[in-house]
Amino acid sequence: MTVRAHAAACPGRAARLRYRGALRASSGEHRQGRGILELYERLKLETLPLTRSRSAVPLLDQLFRQPIFVPSSLLDLDDMTSKPMVMQLLAKLRLLAF
């Protein structure tokens, strides 16, 4: 009996195998998601002392929300008060090798 024929004869087994595959995939996604959250927390702890700005966390939030951006797009955020301040924060983040 071929694998396909066996799967057709035992639909419950095929469903269990698909479920196990989905669990393995979601486990990898869970690890990846947890890694991103850990990176965010670490960068937040490193960024605050370096920038000494109340705008650092909202900027970091935006960078995680939209990792590819034009610096002028950050001026539309409520917490970004001026273009020089945004550019200064970005320059400090570059020092972190962000």
C-alpha atoms as a PDB file:
ATOM      1  CA  MET A   1       0.000   0.000   0.000  1.00  0.00           C
ATOM      2  CA  THR A   2       1.369   3.415  -0.935  1.00  0.00           C
ATOM      3  CA  VAL A   3       1.669   6.245   1.559  1.00  0.00           C
ATOM      4  CA  ARG A   4      -1.110   8.172  -0.163  1.00  0.00           C
ATOM      5  CA  ALA A   5      -3.410   5.147  -0.133  1.00  0.00           C
ATOM      6  CA  HIS A   6      -2.605   4.523   3.527  1.00  0.00           C
ATOM      7  CA  ALA A   7      -3.367   8.173   4.376  1.00  0.00           C
ATOM      8  CA  ALA A   8      -6.683   7.905   2.541  1.00  0.00           C
ATOM      9  CA  ALA A   9      -7.527   4.721   4.430  1.00  0.00           C
ATOM     10  CA  CYS A  10      -6.595   6.281   7.814  1.00  0.00           C
ATOM     11  CA  PRO A  11      -7.799   9.910   7.688  1.00  0.00           C
ATOM     12  CA  GLY A  12      -7.305  10.359  11.439  1.00  0.00           C
ATOM     13  CA  ARG A  13      -3.621   9.464  11.173  1.00  0.00           C
ATOM     14  CA  ALA A  14      -3.095  11.903   8.305  1.00  0.00           C
ATOM     15  CA  ALA A  15      -4.752  14.669  10.328  1.00  0.00           C
ATOM     16  CA  ARG A  16      -2.510  13.891  13.318  1.00  0.00           C
ATOM     17  CA  LEU A  17       0.586  14.053  11.110  1.00  0.00           C
ATOM     18  CA  ARG A  18      -0.510  17.441   9.706  1.00  0.00           C
ATOM     19  CA  TYR A  19      -1.190  18.650  13.261  1.00  0.00           C
ATOM     20  CA  ARG A  20       2.281  17.559  14.417  1.00  0.00           C
ATOM     21  CA  GLY A  21       3.848  19.375  11.468  1.00  0.00           C
ATOM     22  CA  ALA A  22       1.889  22.512  12.312  1.00  0.00           C
ATOM     23  CA  LEU A  23       2.995  22.263  15.952  1.00  0.00           C
ATOM     24  CA  ARG A  24       6.649  22.019  14.928  1.00  0.00           C
ATOM     25  CA  ALA A  25       6.286  25.073  12.679  1.00  0.00           C
ATOM     26  CA  SER A  26       4.526  27.105  15.368  1.00  0.00           C
ATOM     27  CA  SER A  27       7.190  26.127  17.892  1.00  0.00           C
ATOM     28  CA  GLY A  28       9.847  27.641  15.625  1.00  0.00           C
ATOM     29  CA  GLU A  29       7.758  30.776  15.163  1.00  0.00           C
ATOM     30  CA  HIS A  30       7.314  31.003  18.939  1.00  0.00           C
ATOM     31  CA  ARG A  31      11.087  30.879  19.485  1.00  0.00           C
ATOM     32  CA  GLN A  32      11.594  33.508  16.797  1.00  0.00           C
ATOM     33  CA  GLY A  33       8.932  35.772  18.313  1.00  0.00           C
ATOM     34  CA  ARG A  34      10.438  35.393  21.777  1.00  0.00           C
ATOM     35  CA  GLY A  35      13.857  36.289  20.352  1.00  0.00           C
ATOM     36  CA  ILE A  36      12.477  39.485  18.823  1.00  0.00           C
ATOM     37  CA  LEU A  37      10.895  40.484  22.137  1.00  0.00           C
ATOM     38  CA  GLU A  38      14.172  39.798  23.959  1.00  0.00           C
ATOM     39  CA  LEU A  39      16.024  41.945  21.407  1.00  0.00           C
ATOM     40  CA  TYR A  40      13.501  44.755  21.926  1.00  0.00           C
ATOM     41  CA  GLU A  41      13.906  44.646  25.719  1.00  0.00           C
ATOM     42  CA  ARG A  42      17.708  44.566  25.477  1.00  0.00           C
ATOM     43  CA  LEU A  43      17.803  47.496  23.057  1.00  0.00           C
ATOM     44  CA  LYS A  44      15.402  49.466  25.212  1.00  0.00           C
ATOM     45  CA  LEU A  45      17.691  49.007  28.216  1.00  0.00           C
ATOM     46  CA  GLU A  46      20.753  50.037  26.182  1.00  0.00           C
ATOM     47  CA  THR A  47      19.057  52.943  24.400  1.00  0.00           C
ATOM     48  CA  LEU A  48      17.619  54.819  27.384  1.00  0.00           C
ATOM     49  CA  PRO A  49      20.931  55.515  29.161  1.00  0.00           C
ATOM     50  CA  LEU A  50      22.645  56.426  25.894  1.00  0.00           C
ATOM     51  CA  THR A  51      20.043  58.872  24.602  1.00  0.00           C
ATOM     52  CA  ARG A  52      18.611  60.219  27.887  1.00  0.00           C
ATOM     53  CA  SER A  53      15.500  61.120  25.937  1.00  0.00           C
ATOM     54  CA  ARG A  54      11.845  60.406  26.596  1.00  0.00           C
ATOM     55  CA  SER A  55      11.474  59.978  22.835  1.00  0.00           C
ATOM     56  CA  ALA A  56      13.875  57.021  22.666  1.00  0.00           C
ATOM     57  CA  VAL A  57      11.296  54.319  23.443  1.00  0.00           C
ATOM     58  CA  PRO A  58       8.670  55.625  20.984  1.00  0.00           C
ATOM     59  CA  LEU A  59      11.418  55.788  18.363  1.00  0.00           C
ATOM     60  CA  LEU A  60      12.456  52.227  19.148  1.00  0.00           C
ATOM     61  CA  ASP A  61       8.811  51.147  18.939  1.00  0.00           C
ATOM     62  CA  GLN A  62       8.532  52.707  15.494  1.00  0.00           C
ATOM     63  CA  LEU A  63      11.751  51.032  14.331  1.00  0.00           C
ATOM     64  CA  PHE A  64      10.351  47.646  15.328  1.00  0.00           C
ATOM     65  CA  ARG A  65       7.001  48.454  13.713  1.00  0.00           C
ATOM     66  CA  GLN A  66       8.616  49.648  10.471  1.00  0.00           C
ATOM     67  CA  PRO A  67      12.291  48.603  10.210  1.00  0.00           C
ATOM     68  CA  ILE A  68      12.772  50.181   6.774  1.00  0.00           C
ATOM     69  CA  PHE A  69      11.990  53.880   6.854  1.00  0.00           C
ATOM     70  CA  VAL A  70      12.950  57.353   5.730  1.00  0.00           C
ATOM     71  CA  PRO A  71      14.115  59.500   8.676  1.00  0.00           C
ATOM     72  CA  SER A  72      11.695  62.274   7.739  1.00  0.00           C
ATOM     73  CA  SER A  73       8.778  59.840   8.248  1.00  0.00           C
ATOM     74  CA  LEU A  74       9.628  59.813  11.968  1.00  0.00           C
ATOM     75  CA  LEU A  75       8.658  63.474  12.237  1.00  0.00           C
ATOM     76  CA  ASP A  76       5.000  62.481  11.884  1.00  0.00           C
ATOM     77  CA  LEU A  77       5.098  60.666  15.232  1.00  0.00           C
ATOM     78  CA  ASP A  78       3.552  62.461  18.207  1.00  0.00           C
ATOM     79  CA  ASP A  79       6.609  62.035  20.461  1.00  0.00           C
ATOM     80  CA  MET A  80       9.104  63.406  17.950  1.00  0.00           C
ATOM     81  CA  THR A  81       9.303  67.131  18.567  1.00  0.00           C
ATOM     82  CA  SER A  82      11.809  68.339  15.979  1.00  0.00           C
ATOM     83  CA  LYS A  83      13.922  67.213  13.069  1.00  0.00           C
ATOM     84  CA  PRO A  84      17.242  67.933  14.860  1.00  0.00           C
ATOM     85  CA  MET A  85      16.109  65.829  17.820  1.00  0.00           C
ATOM     86  CA  VAL A  86      15.151  62.913  15.557  1.00  0.00           C
ATOM     87  CA  MET A  87      18.458  63.089  13.704  1.00  0.00           C
ATOM     88  CA  GLN A  88      20.362  63.242  16.987  1.00  0.00           C
ATOM     89  CA  LEU A  89      18.544  60.157  18.303  1.00  0.00           C
ATOM     90  CA  LEU A  90      19.245  58.252  15.093  1.00  0.00           C
ATOM     91  CA  ALA A  91      22.926  59.211  15.288  1.00  0.00           C
ATOM     92  CA  LYS A  92      23.103  57.911  18.865  1.00  0.00           C
ATOM     93  CA  LEU A  93      21.435  54.664  17.808  1.00  0.00           C
ATOM     94  CA  ARG A  94      24.062  54.245  15.106  1.00  0.00           C
ATOM     95  CA  LEU A  95      26.685  54.396  17.866  1.00  0.00           C
ATOM     96  CA  LEU A  96      25.024  51.316  19.351  1.00  0.00           C
ATOM     97  CA  ALA A  97      25.481  49.643  15.952  1.00  0.00           C
ATOM     98  CA  PHE A  98      21.713  49.395  15.840  1.00  0.00           C
END
